[in-house]
C-alpha atoms as a PDB file:
ATOM      1  CA  HIS A   1       6.963 -25.984 -35.972  1.00  0.00           C
ATOM      2  CA  GLU A   2       9.357 -24.594 -38.524  1.00  0.00           C
ATOM      3  CA  LEU A   3      12.799 -23.932 -37.094  1.00  0.00           C
ATOM      4  CA  ASP A   4      13.639 -20.231 -37.049  1.00  0.00           C
ATOM      5  CA  GLY A   5      10.093 -19.437 -38.131  1.00  0.00           C
ATOM      6  CA  ARG A   6       7.964 -16.389 -37.505  1.00  0.00           C
ATOM      7  CA  VAL A   7       6.730 -15.671 -34.016  1.00  0.00           C
ATOM      8  CA  CYS A   8       3.152 -16.877 -33.649  1.00  0.00           C
ATOM      9  CA  TRP A   9       0.361 -15.190 -31.682  1.00  0.00           C
ATOM     10  CA  CYS A  10       0.751 -18.023 -29.125  1.00  0.00           C
ATOM     11  CA  GLY A  11       4.313 -16.883 -28.393  1.00  0.00           C
ATOM     12  CA  ARG A  12       6.046 -19.846 -30.000  1.00  0.00           C
ATOM     13  CA  SER A  13       8.108 -19.617 -33.141  1.00  0.00           C
ATOM     14  CA  GLY A  14       7.320 -21.243 -36.466  1.00  0.00           C
ATOM     15  CA  CYS A  15       3.751 -22.484 -35.906  1.00  0.00           C
ATOM     16  CA  LEU A  16       1.836 -23.132 -39.123  1.00  0.00           C
ATOM     17  CA  GLU A  17      -0.665 -20.524 -37.945  1.00  0.00           C
ATOM     18  CA  SER A  18       2.072 -17.899 -38.355  1.00  0.00           C
ATOM     19  CA  PHE A  19       2.374 -18.835 -42.051  1.00  0.00           C
ATOM     20  CA  LEU A  20      -1.134 -20.044 -42.941  1.00  0.00           C
ATOM     21  CA  SER A  21      -3.799 -17.747 -41.515  1.00  0.00           C
ATOM     22  CA  THR A  22      -5.661 -14.570 -42.307  1.00  0.00           C
ATOM     23  CA  ALA A  23      -3.139 -12.588 -40.265  1.00  0.00           C
ATOM     24  CA  ALA A  24      -0.244 -14.267 -42.092  1.00  0.00           C
ATOM     25  CA  LEU A  25      -1.715 -13.390 -45.488  1.00  0.00           C
ATOM     26  CA  GLU A  26      -2.294  -9.784 -44.420  1.00  0.00           C
ATOM     27  CA  GLY A  27       1.236  -9.585 -42.993  1.00  0.00           C
ATOM     28  CA  ASP A  28       2.738 -10.989 -46.185  1.00  0.00           C
ATOM     29  CA  TYR A  29       0.906  -8.372 -48.224  1.00  0.00           C
ATOM     30  CA  GLN A  30       2.054  -5.601 -45.892  1.00  0.00           C
ATOM     31  CA  ARG A  31       5.694  -6.775 -46.069  1.00  0.00           C
ATOM     32  CA  VAL A  32       5.554  -6.649 -49.878  1.00  0.00           C
ATOM     33  CA  THR A  33       3.646  -3.381 -50.325  1.00  0.00           C
ATOM     34  CA  GLY A  34       4.161  -1.465 -47.093  1.00  0.00           C
ATOM     35  CA  GLU A  35       0.370  -1.190 -46.785  1.00  0.00           C
ATOM     36  CA  TRP A  36      -2.058  -3.265 -44.712  1.00  0.00           C
ATOM     37  CA  ARG A  37      -4.964  -4.817 -46.598  1.00  0.00           C
ATOM     38  CA  ALA A  38      -7.673  -7.199 -45.360  1.00  0.00           C
ATOM     39  CA  ALA A  39      -7.310 -10.816 -46.462  1.00  0.00           C
ATOM     40  CA  ALA A  40     -10.695 -10.739 -48.209  1.00  0.00           C
ATOM     41  CA  ASP A  41      -9.571  -7.697 -50.219  1.00  0.00           C
ATOM     42  CA  ILE A  42      -6.288  -9.412 -51.118  1.00  0.00           C
ATOM     43  CA  THR A  43      -8.107 -12.500 -52.418  1.00  0.00           C
ATOM     44  CA  THR A  44     -10.564 -10.344 -54.376  1.00  0.00           C
ATOM     45  CA  ALA A  45      -7.722  -8.302 -55.867  1.00  0.00           C
ATOM     46  CA  SER A  46      -5.889 -11.499 -56.807  1.00  0.00           C
ATOM     47  CA  ALA A  47      -9.003 -12.872 -58.511  1.00  0.00           C
ATOM     48  CA  ASN A  48      -9.245  -9.564 -60.416  1.00  0.00           C
ATOM     49  CA  SER A  49      -5.697  -9.920 -61.797  1.00  0.00           C
ATOM     50  CA  ASP A  50      -3.879  -7.657 -59.309  1.00  0.00           C
ATOM     51  CA  ILE A  51      -0.295  -8.844 -59.886  1.00  0.00           C
ATOM     52  CA  VAL A  52       1.004  -7.973 -56.405  1.00  0.00           C
ATOM     53  CA  ALA A  53      -1.963  -9.526 -54.591  1.00  0.00           C
ATOM     54  CA  ASP A  54      -1.715 -12.604 -56.787  1.00  0.00           C
ATOM     55  CA  SER A  55       2.002 -13.027 -56.049  1.00  0.00           C
ATOM     56  CA  VAL A  56       1.261 -12.887 -52.301  1.00  0.00           C
ATOM     57  CA  ILE A  57      -1.536 -15.453 -52.738  1.00  0.00           C
ATOM     58  CA  GLN A  58       0.789 -17.714 -54.734  1.00  0.00           C
ATOM     59  CA  VAL A  59       3.343 -17.746 -51.891  1.00  0.00           C
ATOM     60  CA  PHE A  60       0.517 -18.547 -49.461  1.00  0.00           C
ATOM     61  CA  GLU A  61      -0.664 -21.355 -51.759  1.00  0.00           C
ATOM     62  CA  ASP A  62       2.848 -22.780 -51.975  1.00  0.00           C
ATOM     63  CA  ARG A  63       3.083 -22.897 -48.177  1.00  0.00           C
ATOM     64  CA  LEU A  64      -0.285 -24.630 -47.991  1.00  0.00           C
ATOM     65  CA  GLY A  65       0.815 -27.037 -50.717  1.00  0.00           C
ATOM     66  CA  ARG A  66       3.858 -28.018 -48.659  1.00  0.00           C
ATOM     67  CA  ALA A  67       1.830 -28.306 -45.447  1.00  0.00           C
ATOM     68  CA  THR A  68      -0.856 -30.490 -47.032  1.00  0.00           C
ATOM     69  CA  ALA A  69       1.820 -32.571 -48.774  1.00  0.00           C
ATOM     70  CA  THR A  70       3.317 -33.282 -45.352  1.00  0.00           C
ATOM     71  CA  ILE A  71      -0.093 -34.473 -44.152  1.00  0.00           C
ATOM     72  CA  ILE A  72      -0.355 -36.744 -47.203  1.00  0.00           C
ATOM     73  CA  SER A  73       3.148 -38.136 -46.690  1.00  0.00           C
ATOM     74  CA  LEU A  74       2.546 -38.862 -43.013  1.00  0.00           C
ATOM     75  CA  PHE A  75      -1.065 -40.076 -43.031  1.00  0.00           C
ATOM     76  CA  ASP A  76      -2.040 -40.883 -46.652  1.00  0.00           C
ATOM     77  CA  PRO A  77      -5.607 -39.565 -46.139  1.00  0.00           C
ATOM     78  CA  ASP A  78      -8.476 -39.941 -48.570  1.00  0.00           C
ATOM     79  CA  VAL A  79      -9.534 -36.341 -47.953  1.00  0.00           C
ATOM     80  CA  ILE A  80      -8.171 -33.164 -46.370  1.00  0.00           C
ATOM     81  CA  VAL A  81     -10.842 -30.712 -45.189  1.00  0.00           C
ATOM     82  CA  LEU A  82      -9.948 -27.020 -45.154  1.00  0.00           C
ATOM     83  CA  GLY A  83     -11.751 -24.483 -43.002  1.00  0.00           C
ATOM     84  CA  GLY A  84     -11.306 -20.941 -41.755  1.00  0.00           C
ATOM     85  CA  THR A  85      -9.126 -18.657 -43.866  1.00  0.00           C
ATOM     86  CA  PHE A  86      -8.873 -21.212 -46.627  1.00  0.00           C
ATOM     87  CA  LEU A  87     -12.582 -21.033 -47.458  1.00  0.00           C
ATOM     88  CA  ASN A  88     -11.969 -17.479 -48.694  1.00  0.00           C
ATOM     89  CA  LEU A  89      -9.622 -18.883 -51.345  1.00  0.00           C
ATOM     90  CA  PRO A  90     -11.895 -21.073 -53.478  1.00  0.00           C
ATOM     91  CA  ARG A  91      -9.207 -21.821 -56.040  1.00  0.00           C
ATOM     92  CA  LEU A  92      -7.155 -23.701 -53.416  1.00  0.00           C
ATOM     93  CA  CYS A  93      -9.075 -26.941 -53.850  1.00  0.00           C
ATOM     94  CA  GLU A  94      -8.261 -26.797 -57.559  1.00  0.00           C
ATOM     95  CA  ARG A  95      -4.621 -25.683 -57.322  1.00  0.00           C
ATOM     96  CA  MET A  96      -3.264 -27.600 -54.319  1.00  0.00           C
ATOM     97  CA  PRO A  97      -3.305 -31.088 -55.872  1.00  0.00           C
ATOM     98  CA  ARG A  98      -1.136 -29.740 -58.705  1.00  0.00           C
ATOM     99  CA  LYS A  99       1.493 -28.641 -56.172  1.00  0.00           C
ATOM    100  CA  TRP A 100       1.689 -31.986 -54.356  1.00  0.00           C
ATOM    101  CA  PRO A 101       3.852 -33.932 -56.843  1.00  0.00           C
ATOM    102  CA  GLY A 102       6.783 -31.664 -56.029  1.00  0.00           C
ATOM    103  CA  TYR A 103       6.549 -32.502 -52.340  1.00  0.00           C
ATOM    104  CA  VAL A 104       4.909 -35.933 -51.975  1.00  0.00           C
ATOM    105  CA  GLN A 105       6.680 -39.237 -52.519  1.00  0.00           C
ATOM    106  CA  VAL A 106       3.561 -41.408 -52.162  1.00  0.00           C
ATOM    107  CA  ASP A 107       0.764 -41.847 -54.690  1.00  0.00           C
ATOM    108  CA  ARG A 108      -1.449 -38.880 -53.894  1.00  0.00           C
ATOM    109  CA  SER A 109      -4.007 -39.525 -56.610  1.00  0.00           C
ATOM    110  CA  LYS A 110      -6.663 -40.614 -54.125  1.00  0.00           C
ATOM    111  CA  THR A 111      -6.373 -37.624 -51.767  1.00  0.00           C
ATOM    112  CA  ARG A 112      -9.050 -34.980 -52.256  1.00  0.00           C
ATOM    113  CA  LEU A 113      -8.984 -31.440 -50.910  1.00  0.00           C
ATOM    114  CA  VAL A 114     -12.376 -30.003 -49.937  1.00  0.00           C
ATOM    115  CA  GLY A 115     -13.755 -27.014 -48.071  1.00  0.00           C
ATOM    116  CA  SER A 116     -15.528 -27.500 -44.766  1.00  0.00           C
ATOM    117  CA  GLU A 117     -19.291 -27.751 -45.016  1.00  0.00           C
ATOM    118  CA  GLY A 118     -19.392 -25.977 -41.647  1.00  0.00           C
ATOM    119  CA  GLY A 119     -18.202 -22.777 -43.285  1.00  0.00           C
ATOM    120  CA  ILE A 120     -15.670 -20.269 -42.079  1.00  0.00           C
ATOM    121  CA  ASN A 121     -16.889 -20.458 -38.468  1.00  0.00           C
ATOM    122  CA  ALA A 122     -16.607 -24.247 -38.188  1.00  0.00           C
ATOM    123  CA  VAL A 123     -13.511 -23.998 -35.974  1.00  0.00           C
ATOM    124  CA  THR A 124     -15.282 -21.650 -33.562  1.00  0.00           C
ATOM    125  CA  ALA A 125     -18.346 -23.896 -33.468  1.00  0.00           C
ATOM    126  CA  GLY A 126     -16.163 -26.945 -32.838  1.00  0.00           C
ATOM    127  CA  ALA A 127     -14.333 -25.208 -29.996  1.00  0.00           C
ATOM    128  CA  ALA A 128     -17.653 -24.224 -28.416  1.00  0.00           C
ATOM    129  CA  MET A 129     -18.895 -27.817 -28.680  1.00  0.00           C
ATOM    130  CA  LEU A 130     -15.692 -29.089 -27.033  1.00  0.00           C
ATOM    131  CA  ALA A 131     -16.076 -26.604 -24.182  1.00  0.00           C
ATOM    132  CA  ALA A 132     -19.717 -27.592 -23.706  1.00  0.00           C
ATOM    133  CA  ASP A 133     -18.743 -31.283 -23.598  1.00  0.00           C
ATOM    134  CA  ARG A 134     -16.132 -30.569 -20.914  1.00  0.00           C
ATOM    135  CA  VAL A 135     -18.642 -28.641 -18.816  1.00  0.00           C
ATOM    136  CA  ARG A 136     -21.141 -31.510 -19.120  1.00  0.00           C
ATOM    137  CA  SER A 137     -18.438 -34.065 -18.236  1.00  0.00           C
ATOM    138  CA  ALA A 138     -17.317 -32.070 -15.199  1.00  0.00           C
ATOM    139  CA  GLY A 139     -20.895 -31.918 -13.927  1.00  0.00           C
ATOM    140  CA  SER A 140     -21.440 -35.685 -14.034  1.00  0.00           C
END
């Protein structure tokens, strides 16, 4: 949690979800322009050289760069797998490693950033599998 952060949908304040999600991206765009726009439209506009959309995406990317740098600093992983919202931003896997040197004190040359092979619904599928496992466990 970030101290004094945004209120998250869960009711807490400062959760990463409140900064790094589809809703966060759409909210950022709305705060800048005064107009709501779907995350997919924002990413498309950014890719098509829309300066405002691109500036919103760059802020989002910087947040993700800091968040993934924290993961690298704490765990020194070989790979970080992104899913959900992040799969709609294909340039992330290219740009994030360039942001890490400003935030990471360890050698990050071995860490790779990849998109989930499970696609954008991988989180939902994983949650369903967890629920099914719990039901099976409760029945035995």
